[in-house]
Amino acid sequence: MSALQAPTKLQRSLMRLDEAPAFMRGFVQNIILRRAVPFTGTAGVKFVSLTPERVEVHLANEHRVQNHIGGVHASAMNLLAETATGMVVGMNVRDDCLPLAKELSMAFKKRATGGLKAVATLTAEQRAAMQASDKGEVQVAVTVTDEAGVEPVECVFTWAWVPSSRPPKN
């Protein structure tokens, strides 16, 4: 994060984790984020790393997210990619703005093997645009890979941000 950009509300919340013992931080982080986005907890999404530039999330191939052939269901793949992109946007959007998923495209290329990982990234230019304007949109790069290192889906997510109707809370 640049010295000129103040931490967002989400970044400030995650910085409080530094007060927890190191061995508990990942566990506590997942509890906090799953409470903020309850469906991620229902599906079992694991938040691996969150920075303003990059977010990585994992999803195990467990019965609760499987399709009829024993792989991760298409909807669960979408949830994983949406969660990664939404979190990286949330790490950058101003506190007086509300992030909204605007558009998604998902092309299924190969059958997934095992669990999945999604990594979403933003460029410095995209991050600066989110801080400079109270309204806009951004196409967020996201890569979904399975345990074999294969990309079973190609995703494109567009997120918008608009002024919040509520004043920001600290």
Protein backbone atom coordinates (compact mmCIF):
# COMPACT_ATOMS: atom_id res chain seq x y z
CA MET A 1 0.00 0.00 0.00
CA SER A 2 1.33 3.41 -0.87
CA ALA A 3 2.13 5.85 1.93
CA LEU A 4 -0.47 8.27 0.55
CA GLN A 5 -3.39 5.83 0.65
CA ALA A 6 -5.04 5.43 4.04
CA PRO A 7 -6.13 1.90 4.97
CA THR A 8 -9.73 1.04 4.12
CA LYS A 9 -12.21 -0.20 6.72
CA LEU A 10 -11.56 -3.82 5.69
CA GLN A 11 -7.79 -3.30 5.92
CA ARG A 12 -8.14 -1.72 9.37
CA SER A 13 -10.26 -4.66 10.54
CA LEU A 14 -7.67 -7.15 9.33
CA MET A 15 -4.81 -5.17 10.94
CA ARG A 16 -6.48 -5.80 14.32
CA LEU A 17 -5.59 -9.46 13.82
CA ASP A 18 -1.98 -8.53 14.59
CA GLU A 19 -3.07 -8.36 18.24
CA ALA A 20 -3.95 -12.08 18.21
CA PRO A 21 -1.25 -14.70 18.81
CA ALA A 22 0.42 -15.65 15.50
CA PHE A 23 -0.79 -19.27 15.62
CA MET A 24 -4.44 -18.11 15.82
CA ARG A 25 -4.46 -15.35 13.18
CA GLY A 26 -5.52 -17.47 10.19
CA PHE A 27 -8.28 -19.16 12.17
CA VAL A 28 -9.62 -15.86 13.56
CA GLN A 29 -9.36 -14.18 10.14
CA ASN A 30 -11.53 -16.90 8.58
CA ILE A 31 -14.14 -16.56 11.33
CA ILE A 32 -14.32 -12.77 10.88
CA LEU A 33 -14.54 -12.90 7.09
CA ARG A 34 -17.05 -15.76 7.07
CA ARG A 35 -19.30 -13.76 9.39
CA ALA A 36 -19.05 -10.78 7.02
CA VAL A 37 -19.98 -12.97 4.03
CA PRO A 38 -21.96 -15.88 5.57
CA PHE A 39 -22.26 -17.99 2.41
CA THR A 40 -18.48 -18.36 2.27
CA GLY A 41 -18.68 -20.10 5.64
CA THR A 42 -21.51 -22.35 4.48
CA ALA A 43 -19.41 -23.45 1.50
CA GLY A 44 -16.18 -23.67 3.50
CA VAL A 45 -14.14 -21.05 1.65
CA LYS A 46 -10.75 -20.57 3.33
CA PHE A 47 -9.16 -17.11 3.18
CA VAL A 48 -5.45 -17.76 2.64
CA SER A 49 -3.96 -14.33 1.98
CA LEU A 50 -5.42 -10.85 1.75
CA THR A 51 -3.46 -7.80 0.64
CA PRO A 52 -4.63 -4.71 -1.25
CA GLU A 53 -2.93 -6.08 -4.38
CA ARG A 54 -3.81 -9.80 -4.15
CA VAL A 55 -6.35 -12.10 -2.51
CA GLU A 56 -6.08 -15.90 -2.43
CA VAL A 57 -8.92 -18.19 -1.33
CA HIS A 58 -9.24 -21.99 -1.30
CA LEU A 59 -12.16 -24.40 -1.45
CA ALA A 60 -11.79 -28.08 -0.62
CA ASN A 61 -13.63 -30.65 -2.74
CA GLU A 62 -16.02 -31.68 0.02
CA HIS A 63 -19.46 -33.24 -0.27
CA ARG A 64 -21.26 -29.95 0.51
CA VAL A 65 -19.88 -28.29 -2.66
CA GLN A 66 -19.80 -31.25 -5.04
CA ASN A 67 -21.73 -31.79 -8.24
CA HIS A 68 -23.22 -35.07 -9.46
CA ILE A 69 -19.83 -36.35 -10.73
CA GLY A 70 -17.93 -35.66 -7.51
CA GLY A 71 -16.17 -32.46 -8.57
CA VAL A 72 -16.58 -28.94 -7.24
CA HIS A 73 -19.95 -27.64 -8.44
CA ALA A 74 -20.01 -24.82 -11.00
CA SER A 75 -21.80 -22.55 -8.53
CA ALA A 76 -19.10 -23.19 -5.93
CA MET A 77 -16.41 -22.31 -8.51
CA ASN A 78 -18.28 -19.06 -9.15
CA LEU A 79 -18.50 -18.37 -5.41
CA LEU A 80 -14.75 -18.88 -5.05
CA ALA A 81 -13.88 -16.51 -7.91
CA GLU A 82 -16.44 -13.94 -6.78
CA THR A 83 -15.12 -14.06 -3.22
CA ALA A 84 -11.51 -13.50 -4.31
CA THR A 85 -12.40 -10.61 -6.63
CA GLY A 86 -14.84 -9.06 -4.17
CA MET A 87 -12.33 -9.15 -1.34
CA VAL A 88 -9.56 -7.52 -3.36
CA VAL A 89 -12.03 -4.79 -4.39
CA GLY A 90 -13.15 -4.45 -0.77
CA MET A 91 -9.53 -3.99 0.29
CA ASN A 92 -9.31 -0.94 -1.99
CA VAL A 93 -12.67 0.77 -2.32
CA ARG A 94 -13.07 3.94 -0.26
CA ASP A 95 -15.03 3.73 2.99
CA ASP A 96 -17.68 6.10 1.63
CA CYS A 97 -18.38 3.74 -1.28
CA LEU A 98 -20.17 0.44 -1.75
CA PRO A 99 -18.68 -2.30 -3.97
CA LEU A 100 -21.13 -4.16 -6.23
CA ALA A 101 -20.60 -7.15 -8.51
CA LYS A 102 -21.68 -5.89 -11.92
CA GLU A 103 -20.91 -8.62 -14.43
CA LEU A 104 -19.33 -12.04 -14.61
CA SER A 105 -18.35 -14.45 -17.31
CA MET A 106 -17.28 -18.00 -16.64
CA ALA A 107 -16.18 -20.48 -19.30
CA PHE A 108 -15.78 -24.10 -18.23
CA LYS A 109 -12.68 -25.56 -19.93
CA LYS A 110 -11.76 -28.79 -18.13
CA ARG A 111 -12.97 -31.01 -15.34
CA ALA A 112 -11.53 -29.91 -11.99
CA THR A 113 -9.43 -32.29 -9.93
CA GLY A 114 -9.72 -31.95 -6.16
CA GLY A 115 -9.94 -28.63 -4.38
CA LEU A 116 -9.64 -25.22 -5.97
CA LYS A 117 -7.66 -22.03 -5.45
CA ALA A 118 -8.67 -18.59 -6.73
CA VAL A 119 -6.24 -15.66 -6.88
CA ALA A 120 -7.52 -12.17 -7.71
CA THR A 121 -5.25 -9.20 -8.36
CA LEU A 122 -5.50 -5.47 -8.98
CA THR A 123 -2.92 -3.24 -10.63
CA ALA A 124 -1.60 -0.09 -8.98
CA GLU A 125 -3.58 1.93 -11.53
CA GLN A 126 -6.84 0.14 -10.68
CA ARG A 127 -6.25 0.67 -6.96
CA ALA A 128 -5.52 4.37 -7.48
CA ALA A 129 -8.73 4.80 -9.51
CA MET A 130 -10.77 3.32 -6.64
CA GLN A 131 -9.30 5.84 -4.23
CA ALA A 132 -9.62 8.80 -6.60
CA SER A 133 -13.30 8.46 -7.47
CA ASP A 134 -16.52 7.75 -5.61
CA LYS A 135 -17.96 5.91 -8.64
CA GLY A 136 -16.51 3.62 -11.27
CA GLU A 137 -15.93 0.06 -12.37
CA VAL A 138 -13.01 -2.29 -12.73
CA GLN A 139 -12.40 -5.62 -14.41
CA VAL A 140 -10.66 -7.81 -11.83
CA ALA A 141 -8.19 -10.47 -12.95
CA VAL A 142 -8.82 -13.85 -11.31
CA THR A 143 -7.25 -17.25 -11.90
CA VAL A 144 -8.87 -20.45 -10.63
CA THR A 145 -6.68 -23.57 -10.48
CA ASP A 146 -7.28 -27.07 -9.19
CA GLU A 147 -4.98 -29.35 -7.19
CA ALA A 148 -3.34 -30.56 -10.42
CA GLY A 149 -2.46 -26.95 -11.35
CA VAL A 150 -5.01 -26.91 -14.19
CA GLU A 151 -7.33 -23.94 -14.82
CA PRO A 152 -10.74 -25.63 -15.13
CA VAL A 153 -12.54 -22.32 -15.69
CA GLU A 154 -11.73 -18.93 -17.17
CA CYS A 155 -13.41 -16.08 -15.31
CA VAL A 156 -13.88 -12.39 -15.85
CA PHE A 157 -15.45 -10.31 -13.09
CA THR A 158 -16.42 -6.67 -13.34
CA TRP A 159 -17.00 -4.82 -10.09
CA ALA A 160 -18.44 -1.34 -9.69
CA TRP A 161 -18.32 1.02 -6.76
CA VAL A 162 -20.86 3.69 -5.97
CA PRO A 163 -21.34 6.22 -3.17
CA SER A 164 -22.75 4.60 -0.06
CA SER A 165 -26.08 5.90 1.19
CA ARG A 166 -24.77 5.54 4.76
CA PRO A 167 -21.95 7.52 6.33
CA PRO A 168 -18.81 5.40 6.86
CA LYS A 169 -18.21 3.88 10.31
CA ASN A 170 -14.74 3.69 11.82
